[in-house]
C-alpha cells in the first residue's frame, strides 16, 4: 500500500464523519457510496491532490473499492487524474469549476423532458384528466425549469463575476 506523505496528519474523526455524511447524501442522489466518500474527501483534503494509496489509507477502504470509485469519478468529469513528471503514481483531485458545468449539463436535459412529456400528452389527449395528471405535472415542472434555468445561470455568473472569481 502506498503511504501518505511523511508528516501528513491522519484525517480527524470529525473529517471522516463529514465524509460519511456527504457520501450518504451523494448516495441518495445516485452515486455509489465509495465514490461519494472519495469525492467528499477530495473536497476537504490537504493537499488537494491524493494518490490512490492516500485514499485507501484515509478512507480505510480496499484498493479495489477506491479503484472502482476513481474509475467512475474520472470519466464523469468530477475528478481528474494527473501525473507528475518523474513519479509513477497518479494523483486525483476535484476538477476545477466542475459544479456549474455538471449542473448545466443536467439542465440541458430539461427540454428533452418537456418534449417527451408533450408527446405523451398528445397520445393521451382524449384520456380522462385524472389519467394525464402525473404526466402533466412532470411536463409543467420541466417546462418551468427549462424557462427559469437560463435566468438562474445568468445570475450565478453575474454574482461570481462580482466576487471576482471569473468562474462560471
C-alpha atoms as a PDB file:
ATOM      1  CA  UNK A   1       0.000   0.000   0.000  1.00  0.00           C
ATOM      2  CA  UNK A   2       1.255   3.465  -0.831  1.00  0.00           C
ATOM      3  CA  UNK A   3       1.871   5.538   2.248  1.00  0.00           C
ATOM      4  CA  UNK A   4       0.633   9.071   2.616  1.00  0.00           C
ATOM      5  CA  UNK A   5       3.206  11.823   2.577  1.00  0.00           C
ATOM      6  CA  UNK A   6       5.511  11.769   5.596  1.00  0.00           C
ATOM      7  CA  UNK A   7       4.353  14.099   8.309  1.00  0.00           C
ATOM      8  CA  UNK A   8       0.825  14.383   6.959  1.00  0.00           C
ATOM      9  CA  UNK A   9      -1.598  14.116   9.853  1.00  0.00           C
ATOM     10  CA  UNK A  10      -4.303  11.472   9.525  1.00  0.00           C
ATOM     11  CA  UNK A  11      -7.885  12.537   8.952  1.00  0.00           C
ATOM     12  CA  UNK A  12      -9.705  13.543  12.111  1.00  0.00           C
ATOM     13  CA  UNK A  13     -12.813  11.721  13.275  1.00  0.00           C
ATOM     14  CA  UNK A  14     -14.767  14.901  12.528  1.00  0.00           C
ATOM     15  CA  UNK A  15     -13.463  14.933   8.932  1.00  0.00           C
ATOM     16  CA  UNK A  16     -14.289  11.253   8.495  1.00  0.00           C
ATOM     17  CA  UNK A  17     -17.788  11.867   9.868  1.00  0.00           C
ATOM     18  CA  UNK A  18     -18.231  14.651   7.291  1.00  0.00           C
ATOM     19  CA  UNK A  19     -17.013  12.324   4.528  1.00  0.00           C
ATOM     20  CA  UNK A  20     -19.521   9.667   5.557  1.00  0.00           C
ATOM     21  CA  UNK A  21     -22.427  12.139   5.816  1.00  0.00           C
ATOM     22  CA  UNK A  22     -21.591  13.585   2.421  1.00  0.00           C
ATOM     23  CA  UNK A  23     -21.252  10.098   0.905  1.00  0.00           C
ATOM     24  CA  UNK A  24     -24.695   9.134   2.206  1.00  0.00           C
ATOM     25  CA  UNK A  25     -26.159  12.338   0.786  1.00  0.00           C
ATOM     26  CA  UNK A  26     -24.494  11.693  -2.582  1.00  0.00           C
ATOM     27  CA  UNK A  27     -25.723   8.092  -2.493  1.00  0.00           C
ATOM     28  CA  UNK A  28     -29.287   9.413  -2.204  1.00  0.00           C
ATOM     29  CA  UNK A  29     -28.595  11.285  -5.436  1.00  0.00           C
ATOM     30  CA  UNK A  30     -27.487   8.127  -7.242  1.00  0.00           C
ATOM     31  CA  UNK A  31     -23.754   7.899  -6.582  1.00  0.00           C
ATOM     32  CA  UNK A  32     -22.465   4.682  -5.045  1.00  0.00           C
ATOM     33  CA  UNK A  33     -21.186   5.152  -1.517  1.00  0.00           C
ATOM     34  CA  UNK A  34     -17.434   4.718  -2.085  1.00  0.00           C
ATOM     35  CA  UNK A  35     -17.496   7.186  -4.980  1.00  0.00           C
ATOM     36  CA  UNK A  36     -19.220   9.591  -2.606  1.00  0.00           C
ATOM     37  CA  UNK A  37     -16.537   9.032   0.028  1.00  0.00           C
ATOM     38  CA  UNK A  38     -13.740   9.676  -2.448  1.00  0.00           C
ATOM     39  CA  UNK A  39     -15.480  12.781  -3.755  1.00  0.00           C
ATOM     40  CA  UNK A  40     -16.170  14.079  -0.247  1.00  0.00           C
ATOM     41  CA  UNK A  41     -12.578  13.527   0.868  1.00  0.00           C
ATOM     42  CA  UNK A  42     -11.233  15.255  -2.229  1.00  0.00           C
ATOM     43  CA  UNK A  43     -13.406  18.245  -1.338  1.00  0.00           C
ATOM     44  CA  UNK A  44     -11.669  18.758   2.022  1.00  0.00           C
ATOM     45  CA  UNK A  45      -8.247  17.067   1.841  1.00  0.00           C
ATOM     46  CA  UNK A  46      -4.876  18.706   2.156  1.00  0.00           C
ATOM     47  CA  UNK A  47      -3.032  18.537  -0.124  1.00  0.00           C
ATOM     48  CA  UNK A  48      -5.726  18.819  -2.799  1.00  0.00           C
ATOM     49  CA  UNK A  49      -4.141  16.017  -4.829  1.00  0.00           C
ATOM     50  CA  UNK A  50      -4.289  12.500  -3.394  1.00  0.00           C
ATOM     51  CA  UNK A  51      -2.866   9.193  -4.599  1.00  0.00           C
ATOM     52  CA  UNK A  52      -4.932   6.040  -4.654  1.00  0.00           C
ATOM     53  CA  UNK A  53      -2.850   4.895  -1.684  1.00  0.00           C
ATOM     54  CA  UNK A  54      -3.727   8.067   0.204  1.00  0.00           C
ATOM     55  CA  UNK A  55      -7.418   7.444  -0.476  1.00  0.00           C
ATOM     56  CA  UNK A  56      -7.178   3.796   0.604  1.00  0.00           C
ATOM     57  CA  UNK A  57      -5.471   4.811   3.825  1.00  0.00           C
ATOM     58  CA  UNK A  58      -7.629   7.756   4.851  1.00  0.00           C
ATOM     59  CA  UNK A  59     -10.928   6.144   3.869  1.00  0.00           C
ATOM     60  CA  UNK A  60      -9.917   2.801   5.386  1.00  0.00           C
ATOM     61  CA  UNK A  61     -11.039   1.167   2.161  1.00  0.00           C
ATOM     62  CA  UNK A  62      -9.809  -1.574  -0.123  1.00  0.00           C
ATOM     63  CA  UNK A  63      -7.707  -0.812  -3.182  1.00  0.00           C
ATOM     64  CA  UNK A  64     -10.440  -2.339  -5.329  1.00  0.00           C
ATOM     65  CA  UNK A  65     -13.205  -0.119  -3.997  1.00  0.00           C
ATOM     66  CA  UNK A  66     -11.101   3.035  -4.351  1.00  0.00           C
ATOM     67  CA  UNK A  67     -10.118   1.966  -7.849  1.00  0.00           C
ATOM     68  CA  UNK A  68     -13.773   1.411  -8.801  1.00  0.00           C
ATOM     69  CA  UNK A  69     -14.678   4.820  -7.385  1.00  0.00           C
ATOM     70  CA  UNK A  70     -11.927   6.669  -9.256  1.00  0.00           C
ATOM     71  CA  UNK A  71     -12.711   4.760 -12.469  1.00  0.00           C
ATOM     72  CA  UNK A  72     -16.249   6.142 -12.164  1.00  0.00           C
ATOM     73  CA  UNK A  73     -15.416   9.675 -10.998  1.00  0.00           C
ATOM     74  CA  UNK A  74     -12.737  10.480 -13.575  1.00  0.00           C
ATOM     75  CA  UNK A  75     -14.833   9.817 -16.713  1.00  0.00           C
ATOM     76  CA  UNK A  76     -17.809  11.527 -15.047  1.00  0.00           C
ATOM     77  CA  UNK A  77     -15.777  14.729 -15.069  1.00  0.00           C
ATOM     78  CA  UNK A  78     -15.985  15.368 -11.321  1.00  0.00           C
ATOM     79  CA  UNK A  79     -12.438  14.239 -10.590  1.00  0.00           C
ATOM     80  CA  UNK A  80      -9.325  14.460 -12.687  1.00  0.00           C
ATOM     81  CA  UNK A  81      -6.346  12.144 -12.676  1.00  0.00           C
ATOM     82  CA  UNK A  82      -2.975  13.797 -13.045  1.00  0.00           C
ATOM     83  CA  UNK A  83       0.606  12.655 -13.133  1.00  0.00           C
ATOM     84  CA  UNK A  84       3.778  14.398 -12.096  1.00  0.00           C
ATOM     85  CA  UNK A  85       6.996  14.201 -14.083  1.00  0.00           C
ATOM     86  CA  UNK A  86       9.359  11.619 -12.640  1.00  0.00           C
ATOM     87  CA  UNK A  87       6.680   9.918 -10.499  1.00  0.00           C
ATOM     88  CA  UNK A  88       4.928   6.672 -11.268  1.00  0.00           C
ATOM     89  CA  UNK A  89       1.901   7.392  -9.094  1.00  0.00           C
ATOM     90  CA  UNK A  90      -1.248   9.079 -10.307  1.00  0.00           C
ATOM     91  CA  UNK A  91      -2.960  11.759  -8.275  1.00  0.00           C
ATOM     92  CA  UNK A  92      -6.646  12.605  -8.047  1.00  0.00           C
ATOM     93  CA  UNK A  93      -8.272  15.956  -7.382  1.00  0.00           C
ATOM     94  CA  UNK A  94     -11.615  17.675  -7.807  1.00  0.00           C
ATOM     95  CA  UNK A  95     -11.821  19.130 -11.281  1.00  0.00           C
ATOM     96  CA  UNK A  96     -11.743  22.931 -11.098  1.00  0.00           C
ATOM     97  CA  UNK A  97     -15.096  24.553 -11.899  1.00  0.00           C
ATOM     98  CA  UNK A  98     -16.899  21.222 -12.135  1.00  0.00           C
ATOM     99  CA  UNK A  99     -20.092  22.032 -10.210  1.00  0.00           C
ATOM    100  CA  UNK A 100     -21.615  24.614 -12.550  1.00  0.00           C
ATOM    101  CA  UNK A 101     -20.544  22.549 -15.563  1.00  0.00           C
ATOM    102  CA  UNK A 102     -22.257  19.429 -14.200  1.00  0.00           C
ATOM    103  CA  UNK A 103     -25.400  21.316 -13.263  1.00  0.00           C
ATOM    104  CA  UNK A 104     -25.564  22.949 -16.692  1.00  0.00           C
ATOM    105  CA  UNK A 105     -25.180  19.589 -18.416  1.00  0.00           C
ATOM    106  CA  UNK A 106     -28.060  18.214 -16.341  1.00  0.00           C
ATOM    107  CA  UNK A 107     -30.144  21.280 -17.162  1.00  0.00           C
ATOM    108  CA  UNK A 108     -29.675  20.600 -20.877  1.00  0.00           C
ATOM    109  CA  UNK A 109     -31.918  17.560 -20.428  1.00  0.00           C
ATOM    110  CA  UNK A 110     -34.884  19.609 -19.213  1.00  0.00           C
ATOM    111  CA  UNK A 111     -36.091  20.443 -22.702  1.00  0.00           C
ATOM    112  CA  UNK A 112     -35.982  16.775 -23.699  1.00  0.00           C
ATOM    113  CA  UNK A 113     -38.261  16.023 -20.737  1.00  0.00           C
ATOM    114  CA  UNK A 114     -40.598  18.765 -21.960  1.00  0.00           C
ATOM    115  CA  UNK A 115     -40.585  17.305 -25.472  1.00  0.00           C
ATOM    116  CA  UNK A 116     -41.232  13.730 -24.378  1.00  0.00           C
ATOM    117  CA  UNK A 117     -43.989  14.697 -21.956  1.00  0.00           C
ATOM    118  CA  UNK A 118     -45.642  16.742 -24.721  1.00  0.00           C
ATOM    119  CA  UNK A 119     -45.573  13.612 -26.875  1.00  0.00           C
ATOM    120  CA  UNK A 120     -47.189  11.637 -24.062  1.00  0.00           C
ATOM    121  CA  UNK A 121     -49.833  14.314 -23.535  1.00  0.00           C
ATOM    122  CA  UNK A 122     -50.650  14.201 -27.269  1.00  0.00           C
ATOM    123  CA  UNK A 123     -51.046  10.436 -27.048  1.00  0.00           C
ATOM    124  CA  UNK A 124     -53.349  10.854 -24.032  1.00  0.00           C
ATOM    125  CA  UNK A 125     -55.248  13.894 -25.399  1.00  0.00           C
ATOM    126  CA  UNK A 126     -58.604  12.067 -25.263  1.00  0.00           C
ATOM    127  CA  UNK A 127     -57.918  10.329 -21.946  1.00  0.00           C
ATOM    128  CA  UNK A 128     -59.586  11.464 -18.735  1.00  0.00           C
ATOM    129  CA  UNK A 129     -57.784  14.347 -16.973  1.00  0.00           C
ATOM    130  CA  UNK A 130     -57.027  12.163 -13.966  1.00  0.00           C
ATOM    131  CA  UNK A 131     -55.015   9.767 -16.135  1.00  0.00           C
ATOM    132  CA  UNK A 132     -52.932  12.629 -17.594  1.00  0.00           C
ATOM    133  CA  UNK A 133     -52.300  14.401 -14.287  1.00  0.00           C
ATOM    134  CA  UNK A 134     -48.931  12.766 -13.400  1.00  0.00           C
ATOM    135  CA  UNK A 135     -47.581  13.418 -16.875  1.00  0.00           C
ATOM    136  CA  UNK A 136     -48.962  16.988 -16.875  1.00  0.00           C
ATOM    137  CA  UNK A 137     -47.251  17.662 -13.530  1.00  0.00           C
ATOM    138  CA  UNK A 138     -43.907  16.427 -14.883  1.00  0.00           C
ATOM    139  CA  UNK A 139     -44.339  18.448 -18.066  1.00  0.00           C
ATOM    140  CA  UNK A 140     -45.198  21.645 -16.243  1.00  0.00           C
ATOM    141  CA  UNK A 141     -42.297  21.273 -13.834  1.00  0.00           C
ATOM    142  CA  UNK A 142     -39.663  20.680 -16.522  1.00  0.00           C
ATOM    143  CA  UNK A 143     -41.123  23.400 -18.749  1.00  0.00           C
ATOM    144  CA  UNK A 144     -40.747  25.786 -15.823  1.00  0.00           C
ATOM    145  CA  UNK A 145     -37.167  24.639 -15.170  1.00  0.00           C
ATOM    146  CA  UNK A 146     -36.248  24.965 -18.861  1.00  0.00           C
ATOM    147  CA  UNK A 147     -37.563  28.534 -18.823  1.00  0.00           C
ATOM    148  CA  UNK A 148     -36.018  29.565 -15.484  1.00  0.00           C
ATOM    149  CA  UNK A 149     -32.574  27.939 -15.654  1.00  0.00           C
ATOM    150  CA  UNK A 150     -31.055  30.427 -18.150  1.00  0.00           C
ATOM    151  CA  UNK A 151     -32.071  33.247 -15.795  1.00  0.00           C
ATOM    152  CA  UNK A 152     -30.562  31.401 -12.837  1.00  0.00           C
ATOM    153  CA  UNK A 153     -27.290  30.724 -14.706  1.00  0.00           C
ATOM    154  CA  UNK A 154     -27.037  34.375 -15.713  1.00  0.00           C
ATOM    155  CA  UNK A 155     -27.496  35.419 -12.093  1.00  0.00           C
ATOM    156  CA  UNK A 156     -24.875  32.892 -10.929  1.00  0.00           C
ATOM    157  CA  UNK A 157     -22.349  34.160 -13.469  1.00  0.00           C
ATOM    158  CA  UNK A 158     -23.026  37.784 -12.533  1.00  0.00           C
ATOM    159  CA  UNK A 159     -22.584  37.034  -8.822  1.00  0.00           C
ATOM    160  CA  UNK A 160     -19.379  35.104  -9.472  1.00  0.00           C
ATOM    161  CA  UNK A 161     -18.084  37.976 -11.619  1.00  0.00           C
ATOM    162  CA  UNK A 162     -18.921  40.452  -8.859  1.00  0.00           C
ATOM    163  CA  UNK A 163     -16.943  38.321  -6.404  1.00  0.00           C
ATOM    164  CA  UNK A 164     -14.009  38.458  -8.809  1.00  0.00           C
ATOM    165  CA  UNK A 165     -13.721  34.703  -9.306  1.00  0.00           C
ATOM    166  CA  UNK A 166     -14.323  34.787 -13.016  1.00  0.00           C
ATOM    167  CA  UNK A 167     -15.585  31.199 -12.827  1.00  0.00           C
ATOM    168  CA  UNK A 168     -18.908  30.159 -14.313  1.00  0.00           C
END
